[in-house]
Amino acid sequence: MHKDPELSDASNLALTWLKLGKATEARALLEKHLVEDDPSAQVAAAHFNLGLIEQQLGNLGEALRHYERANEIEPTSARRNKIDAVMNPRRPQGSAQ
């Protein structure tokens, strides 16, 4: 398992772009650098970040796919919680049923 500094940098930059409202650009950057041949913690983080991006874009199916892939590579409770949140969204308090 090797570390890919380009993937790490791309992942960090993608999160910055996401915060700046550039989700489409963030997704394209991560997809360009994501290589599945070495499932590492970096690849898991990139998938998790792609999940965040897809979720912000309203693509919940794609978000869930990336969250699940991240959790397959490197299971964590935070990733499991994100999967649960996407699968079982809660209504805001005070919303009509």
Protein backbone atom coordinates (compact mmCIF):
# COMPACT_ATOMS: atom_id res chain seq x y z
CA MET A 1 0.00 0.00 0.00
CA HIS A 2 1.52 3.32 -1.07
CA LYS A 3 0.59 6.89 -0.39
CA ASP A 4 -0.39 9.01 -3.37
CA PRO A 5 0.39 12.66 -2.66
CA GLU A 6 -1.59 13.74 -5.73
CA LEU A 7 -4.74 12.00 -4.47
CA SER A 8 -4.25 13.47 -1.01
CA ASP A 9 -3.78 16.98 -2.42
CA ALA A 10 -6.72 16.54 -4.78
CA SER A 11 -8.93 15.36 -1.92
CA ASN A 12 -8.01 18.37 0.21
CA LEU A 13 -8.51 20.79 -2.68
CA ALA A 14 -11.85 19.17 -3.54
CA LEU A 15 -13.11 19.76 0.00
CA THR A 16 -12.06 23.41 -0.24
CA TRP A 17 -13.88 23.77 -3.54
CA LEU A 18 -16.93 22.08 -2.05
CA LYS A 19 -16.97 24.66 0.77
CA LEU A 20 -16.74 27.41 -1.86
CA GLY A 21 -19.78 26.05 -3.70
CA LYS A 22 -17.82 24.47 -6.55
CA ALA A 23 -19.12 20.93 -6.09
CA THR A 24 -19.04 20.02 -9.78
CA GLU A 25 -15.39 21.04 -10.10
CA ALA A 26 -14.55 19.21 -6.86
CA ARG A 27 -16.14 16.02 -8.18
CA ALA A 28 -14.26 16.21 -11.49
CA LEU A 29 -10.95 16.72 -9.69
CA LEU A 30 -11.41 13.74 -7.38
CA GLU A 31 -12.68 11.45 -10.12
CA LYS A 32 -9.59 12.33 -12.20
CA HIS A 33 -7.22 11.31 -9.40
CA LEU A 34 -9.08 8.34 -7.91
CA VAL A 35 -7.53 4.99 -8.85
CA GLU A 36 -9.07 1.85 -7.37
CA ASP A 37 -6.11 -0.48 -7.86
CA ASP A 38 -4.71 0.25 -4.39
CA PRO A 39 -7.54 0.48 -1.84
CA SER A 40 -5.92 2.54 0.89
CA ALA A 41 -6.97 4.99 3.55
CA GLN A 42 -6.49 7.75 0.97
CA VAL A 43 -8.81 6.02 -1.50
CA ALA A 44 -11.37 5.56 1.29
CA ALA A 45 -11.11 9.26 2.16
CA ALA A 46 -11.51 10.22 -1.50
CA HIS A 47 -14.65 8.09 -1.76
CA PHE A 48 -16.02 9.64 1.42
CA ASN A 49 -15.34 13.12 0.03
CA LEU A 50 -17.03 12.16 -3.24
CA GLY A 51 -20.00 11.10 -1.13
CA LEU A 52 -20.10 14.54 0.48
CA ILE A 53 -19.94 16.17 -2.94
CA GLU A 54 -22.67 13.98 -4.44
CA GLN A 55 -24.86 14.55 -1.40
CA GLN A 56 -24.51 18.32 -1.76
CA LEU A 57 -25.41 17.99 -5.45
CA GLY A 58 -28.53 16.06 -4.46
CA ASN A 59 -27.34 12.75 -5.90
CA LEU A 60 -28.12 10.61 -2.87
CA GLY A 61 -27.72 7.27 -4.67
CA GLU A 62 -24.22 8.19 -5.82
CA ALA A 63 -23.41 9.63 -2.39
CA LEU A 64 -24.46 6.40 -0.74
CA ARG A 65 -22.38 4.36 -3.20
CA HIS A 66 -19.25 6.37 -2.35
CA TYR A 67 -19.90 6.27 1.41
CA GLU A 68 -20.35 2.49 1.25
CA ARG A 69 -17.16 2.04 -0.80
CA ALA A 70 -15.22 4.17 1.70
CA ASN A 71 -16.60 2.04 4.53
CA GLU A 72 -15.69 -1.20 2.71
CA ILE A 73 -12.08 -0.07 2.33
CA GLU A 74 -11.68 1.38 5.81
CA PRO A 75 -14.66 0.88 8.13
CA THR A 76 -15.29 3.60 10.71
CA SER A 77 -18.26 4.53 12.84
CA ALA A 78 -18.34 7.99 11.25
CA ARG A 79 -18.70 6.45 7.80
CA ARG A 80 -21.36 4.04 9.03
CA ASN A 81 -23.25 6.96 10.60
CA LYS A 82 -23.13 8.87 7.30
CA ILE A 83 -24.52 5.85 5.45
CA ASP A 84 -27.32 5.56 8.02
CA ALA A 85 -28.10 9.28 7.72
CA VAL A 86 -28.42 9.07 3.93
CA MET A 87 -30.56 5.93 4.09
CA ASN A 88 -32.78 7.21 6.91
CA PRO A 89 -33.07 11.00 6.61
CA ARG A 90 -34.74 12.69 9.54
CA ARG A 91 -37.30 15.37 9.12
CA PRO A 92 -36.45 18.73 10.67
CA GLN A 93 -38.24 19.40 13.93
CA GLY A 94 -41.56 21.11 13.44
CA SER A 95 -42.00 19.92 9.85
CA ALA A 96 -45.37 18.64 8.75
CA GLN A 97 -45.76 14.92 8.18
